[in-house]
Protein backbone atom coordinates (compact mmCIF):
# COMPACT_ATOMS: atom_id res chain seq x y z
CA MET A 1 28.15 -74.24 36.02
CA GLN A 2 25.83 -75.31 33.18
CA ALA A 3 22.21 -74.30 33.74
CA ASN A 4 18.97 -74.67 31.87
CA VAL A 5 16.68 -71.83 32.79
CA VAL A 6 12.91 -71.89 32.43
CA GLU A 7 10.96 -68.72 33.10
CA ALA A 8 7.40 -68.57 34.40
CA ASP A 9 5.44 -65.31 34.45
CA SER A 10 2.89 -66.37 37.10
CA TYR A 11 2.31 -68.90 39.84
CA GLY A 12 0.03 -70.91 37.55
CA SER A 13 2.67 -71.13 34.83
CA ALA A 14 5.29 -72.09 37.45
CA ILE A 15 3.10 -75.05 38.46
CA THR A 16 2.72 -75.96 34.77
CA CYS A 17 6.52 -75.92 34.38
CA LEU A 18 6.88 -78.14 37.44
CA GLU A 19 4.42 -80.63 35.95
CA ALA A 20 6.58 -80.82 32.80
CA GLN A 21 10.06 -81.38 34.25
CA ILE A 22 12.21 -81.69 37.38
CA PHE A 23 14.18 -78.68 38.64
CA ASP A 24 17.27 -78.75 40.86
CA LEU A 25 16.41 -75.24 42.04
CA VAL A 26 13.31 -73.10 41.67
CA LEU A 27 13.86 -69.36 42.16
CA LEU A 28 10.45 -68.13 43.20
CA ASP A 29 9.26 -64.53 43.33
CA TYR A 30 7.06 -64.28 46.42
CA ASN A 31 5.02 -61.51 44.79
CA MET A 32 4.54 -63.14 41.36
CA PRO A 33 1.13 -62.73 39.67
CA ASP A 34 -1.68 -64.99 40.98
CA SER A 35 0.44 -66.14 43.94
CA LEU A 36 -1.35 -66.80 47.21
CA GLY A 37 1.65 -65.95 49.37
CA LEU A 38 2.76 -68.62 51.83
CA ALA A 39 0.22 -71.14 50.50
CA SER A 40 1.76 -70.91 47.03
CA VAL A 41 5.28 -71.15 48.41
CA SER A 42 4.31 -74.23 50.41
CA LYS A 43 2.79 -75.91 47.35
CA ILE A 44 5.93 -75.35 45.29
CA VAL A 45 8.25 -76.47 48.11
CA GLU A 46 6.22 -79.69 48.46
CA HIS A 47 6.04 -80.33 44.69
CA PRO A 48 8.04 -83.44 43.80
CA SER A 49 9.58 -81.74 40.74
CA ALA A 50 11.14 -78.95 42.80
CA LYS A 51 14.21 -80.38 44.53
CA MET A 52 14.97 -77.02 46.19
CA VAL A 53 13.23 -73.66 46.30
CA ALA A 54 14.66 -70.22 47.05
CA LEU A 55 12.92 -66.85 47.12
CA LEU A 56 14.14 -64.29 44.59
CA SER A 57 12.40 -61.07 45.46
CA GLY A 58 12.81 -57.34 45.52
CA THR A 59 10.97 -56.83 48.76
CA SER A 60 10.20 -59.48 51.32
CA PRO A 61 9.85 -58.60 54.98
CA LYS A 62 11.98 -60.57 57.43
CA GLU A 63 8.86 -62.19 58.89
CA VAL A 64 7.90 -63.57 55.46
CA VAL A 65 11.43 -64.84 54.86
CA HIS A 66 11.43 -66.52 58.29
CA GLU A 67 8.08 -68.18 57.55
CA THR A 68 9.19 -69.43 54.12
CA ILE A 69 12.41 -70.87 55.58
CA ALA A 70 10.25 -72.74 58.10
CA LEU A 71 8.28 -74.13 55.12
CA GLY A 72 11.49 -75.50 53.59
CA VAL A 73 12.70 -72.69 51.35
CA LYS A 74 16.50 -72.88 51.07
CA GLY A 75 17.28 -69.20 50.82
CA TYR A 76 16.31 -65.63 50.15
CA LEU A 77 18.01 -63.85 47.27
CA PRO A 78 17.29 -60.12 47.00
CA LYS A 79 16.98 -58.91 43.41
CA SER A 80 19.50 -56.19 44.32
CA MET A 81 22.34 -58.76 44.53
CA THR A 82 25.16 -58.43 42.05
CA PRO A 83 25.31 -61.20 39.42
CA LYS A 84 28.48 -62.59 41.00
CA SER A 85 26.90 -62.67 44.47
CA LEU A 86 23.74 -64.22 43.08
CA LEU A 87 25.74 -67.00 41.43
CA SER A 88 27.65 -67.62 44.68
CA ALA A 89 24.39 -67.76 46.65
CA ILE A 90 22.89 -70.24 44.17
CA LYS A 91 25.98 -72.46 44.41
CA PHE A 92 25.75 -72.28 48.20
CA ILE A 93 22.11 -73.41 48.09
CA LEU A 94 22.86 -76.18 45.61
CA ASP A 95 25.55 -77.40 48.02
CA GLY A 96 22.75 -78.00 50.54
CA GLU A 97 23.07 -74.86 52.64
CA VAL A 98 20.47 -72.21 53.49
CA PHE A 99 21.39 -68.76 52.16
CA LEU A 100 20.28 -65.52 53.77
CA PRO A 101 21.80 -62.06 53.30
CA ALA A 102 23.82 -60.88 56.29
CA THR A 103 20.99 -58.58 57.41
CA PHE A 104 18.67 -61.59 57.74
CA HIS A 105 20.82 -63.77 59.95
CA ASP A 106 18.94 -64.69 63.05
CA GLU A 107 19.53 -67.68 65.32
CA ARG A 108 15.89 -68.78 65.18
CA ILE A 109 16.21 -69.39 61.44
CA SER A 110 19.46 -71.29 61.51
CA ARG A 111 18.15 -73.91 63.92
CA LYS A 112 14.93 -74.98 65.50
CA PRO A 113 14.44 -74.17 69.17
CA SER A 114 15.66 -76.86 71.58
CA VAL A 115 14.54 -77.86 75.05
CA LEU A 116 18.17 -77.21 76.03
CA ASP A 117 17.85 -73.48 75.26
CA CYS A 118 16.75 -72.83 78.87
CA LEU A 119 19.94 -74.40 80.26
CA THR A 120 23.38 -72.95 80.85
CA LYS A 121 26.14 -74.12 78.50
CA ARG A 122 27.54 -76.56 81.10
CA GLU A 123 24.10 -77.94 81.98
CA ALA A 124 23.32 -78.50 78.30
CA GLU A 125 26.69 -80.22 77.72
CA ALA A 126 26.09 -82.53 80.68
CA VAL A 127 22.52 -83.40 79.63
CA ARG A 128 23.64 -84.11 76.06
CA ARG A 129 26.26 -86.50 77.37
CA LEU A 130 23.84 -88.24 79.73
CA SER A 131 21.43 -88.75 76.83
CA ASN A 132 24.27 -90.54 75.04
CA GLY A 133 24.52 -92.96 77.97
CA GLN A 134 27.49 -91.49 79.81
CA THR A 135 27.74 -91.81 83.59
CA ASN A 136 28.36 -88.81 85.83
CA ARG A 137 31.96 -89.96 86.24
CA GLU A 138 32.46 -90.06 82.42
CA ILE A 139 30.80 -86.68 82.00
CA ALA A 140 33.03 -85.21 84.71
CA ALA A 141 36.14 -86.57 82.99
CA ASP A 142 35.04 -85.25 79.57
CA LEU A 143 34.26 -81.78 80.91
CA ASN A 144 37.18 -81.57 83.36
CA LEU A 145 34.79 -81.20 86.29
CA SER A 146 34.31 -82.99 89.57
CA GLU A 147 31.49 -85.51 89.87
CA VAL A 148 29.89 -83.30 92.52
CA THR A 149 29.81 -80.40 90.05
CA VAL A 150 28.26 -82.61 87.36
CA LYS A 151 25.58 -83.72 89.83
CA MET A 152 24.89 -80.07 90.68
CA HIS A 153 24.52 -79.22 86.95
CA MET A 154 22.23 -82.22 86.50
CA ARG A 155 19.95 -81.26 89.42
CA SER A 156 19.68 -77.72 88.09
CA ALA A 157 18.98 -78.97 84.55
CA TYR A 158 16.31 -81.42 85.77
CA ALA A 159 14.51 -78.58 87.57
CA LYS A 160 14.62 -76.33 84.49
CA LEU A 161 13.47 -79.14 82.19
CA GLY A 162 10.70 -80.23 84.55
CA VAL A 163 11.98 -83.80 84.86
CA LYS A 164 12.81 -85.90 87.91
CA ASN A 165 15.79 -87.96 86.81
CA ARG A 166 18.38 -88.72 84.12
CA THR A 167 16.07 -91.18 82.33
CA GLN A 168 13.34 -88.58 81.92
CA ALA A 169 15.93 -85.98 80.82
CA ALA A 170 17.37 -88.37 78.22
CA LEU A 171 13.88 -89.21 76.91
CA LEU A 172 12.99 -85.52 76.68
CA LEU A 173 16.18 -84.78 74.76
CA ARG A 174 15.58 -87.70 72.37
CA GLN A 175 12.01 -86.47 71.79
CA ASP A 176 13.31 -82.98 71.11
CA ALA A 177 15.71 -84.40 68.52
CA GLY A 178 12.83 -86.23 66.84
CA LEU A 179 14.11 -89.72 67.71
């Protein structure tokens, strides 16, 4: 892996570097001099010359890491990582993945909350299929259930989602997916 490394000793100089060239990955110290915390992180994440941004920090509380991931940061790399682990984490990020140390893994980071979170697994599977246009008979066949059972799951899901019918459920699911 060939890399050109540019070092900045403050937030201001990091912005200056970003104005001068494009970076595949910016490793940003959350506590760098003249940084304004999340506002600075957000500005760098949104900068057109920073294709990806990851935090490289000695101490960052989980809450801060969670907030920066929500802003678009692609990973958190503790300064205590071994060089080999650091290189692997950087490759992982450059491959388009989000890297967090094992102690930071939390379901609310890996995916955004969904309206389906309040449903049972079967209810969610049925609602997903109905939003793709499947009939109750098709859903029953796919899930190896009877049509009566599918209807029961649908009624329960509608009540939990606060909708009256399959059309409203499908629209809610499409909205949730950002479609």
